[in-house]
Protein backbone atom coordinates (compact mmCIF):
# COMPACT_ATOMS: atom_id res chain seq x y z
CA MET A 1 -47.00 3.91 160.80
CA SER A 2 -47.75 4.67 157.19
CA THR A 3 -45.90 7.54 155.60
CA VAL A 4 -47.85 9.83 153.31
CA SER A 5 -45.39 12.49 152.24
CA GLU A 6 -45.73 14.16 148.90
CA GLN A 7 -44.46 17.28 147.21
CA VAL A 8 -46.73 19.14 144.82
CA ASN A 9 -44.33 20.59 142.24
CA THR A 10 -44.75 22.99 139.37
CA PRO A 11 -42.12 24.65 137.17
CA GLU A 12 -42.16 27.89 139.16
CA THR A 13 -41.35 26.50 142.65
CA GLY A 14 -38.54 28.98 143.33
CA ASP A 15 -40.51 31.35 145.58
CA ARG A 16 -43.33 29.05 146.65
CA LYS A 17 -44.12 28.56 150.31
CA LYS A 18 -44.11 25.06 151.78
CA VAL A 19 -47.06 23.92 153.89
CA LEU A 20 -47.10 20.84 156.12
CA ILE A 21 -50.57 19.31 156.53
CA ILE A 22 -50.92 16.97 159.52
CA GLU A 23 -54.29 15.22 159.46
CA ASP A 24 -55.23 11.62 160.27
CA SER A 25 -58.46 11.66 158.25
CA LEU A 26 -57.68 10.82 154.62
CA VAL A 27 -60.72 12.70 153.28
CA LEU A 28 -59.92 15.88 155.21
CA ARG A 29 -56.21 15.65 154.33
CA MET A 30 -57.02 15.29 150.63
CA THR A 31 -59.47 18.21 150.76
CA ILE A 32 -57.03 20.52 152.55
CA THR A 33 -54.17 19.43 150.28
CA LYS A 34 -56.18 20.22 147.16
CA PHE A 35 -57.24 23.62 148.49
CA VAL A 36 -53.72 24.65 149.57
CA ALA A 37 -52.08 23.29 146.39
CA ASP A 38 -54.56 25.30 144.30
CA LEU A 39 -53.24 28.38 146.13
CA GLY A 40 -49.81 27.63 144.67
CA ARG A 41 -48.12 26.14 147.73
CA ASP A 42 -45.82 23.14 147.96
CA ILE A 43 -47.36 20.44 150.15
CA VAL A 44 -45.91 17.96 152.62
CA GLU A 45 -48.39 15.58 154.28
CA ALA A 46 -48.31 13.60 157.52
CA THR A 47 -50.90 11.22 158.97
CA ASP A 48 -50.16 11.49 162.71
CA GLY A 49 -48.33 13.62 165.24
CA GLN A 50 -45.07 11.66 165.25
CA GLU A 51 -44.87 11.69 161.46
CA GLY A 52 -45.75 15.40 161.52
CA LEU A 53 -42.88 16.19 163.88
CA LEU A 54 -40.43 14.31 161.66
CA ALA A 55 -41.79 16.00 158.52
CA ALA A 56 -41.46 19.42 160.16
CA GLN A 57 -37.83 18.75 161.09
CA GLU A 58 -36.93 17.36 157.67
CA ASN A 59 -38.85 19.83 155.48
CA ARG A 60 -38.80 23.09 157.49
CA PRO A 61 -42.24 24.22 156.25
CA ASP A 62 -43.28 27.88 156.18
CA ARG A 63 -46.69 26.99 157.63
CA ILE A 64 -48.24 23.99 159.40
CA ILE A 65 -51.92 23.05 159.29
CA CYS A 66 -52.62 20.51 162.03
CA ASP A 67 -55.62 18.65 163.34
CA ILE A 68 -56.10 19.82 166.96
CA ASN A 69 -57.15 16.34 168.08
CA MET A 70 -54.11 14.58 166.67
CA PRO A 71 -52.77 11.27 168.01
CA ILE A 72 -48.98 11.10 168.44
CA TRP A 73 -48.88 7.59 166.87
């Protein structure tokens, strides 16, 4: 399992919402990450369901965007 977890940080992160993006397609994940980051959100990424569950437990995101046809591993 490859871990793709990244925080998008800016100086004013005090009140920013954290979004977990769980998507196995690299192109879609990059597109969604760019769009959400441009909205001023902190981003955590995961590439499969198992990694997404771990990321959700560790990062406690405010929102989760998840592929509906997501493999667990």
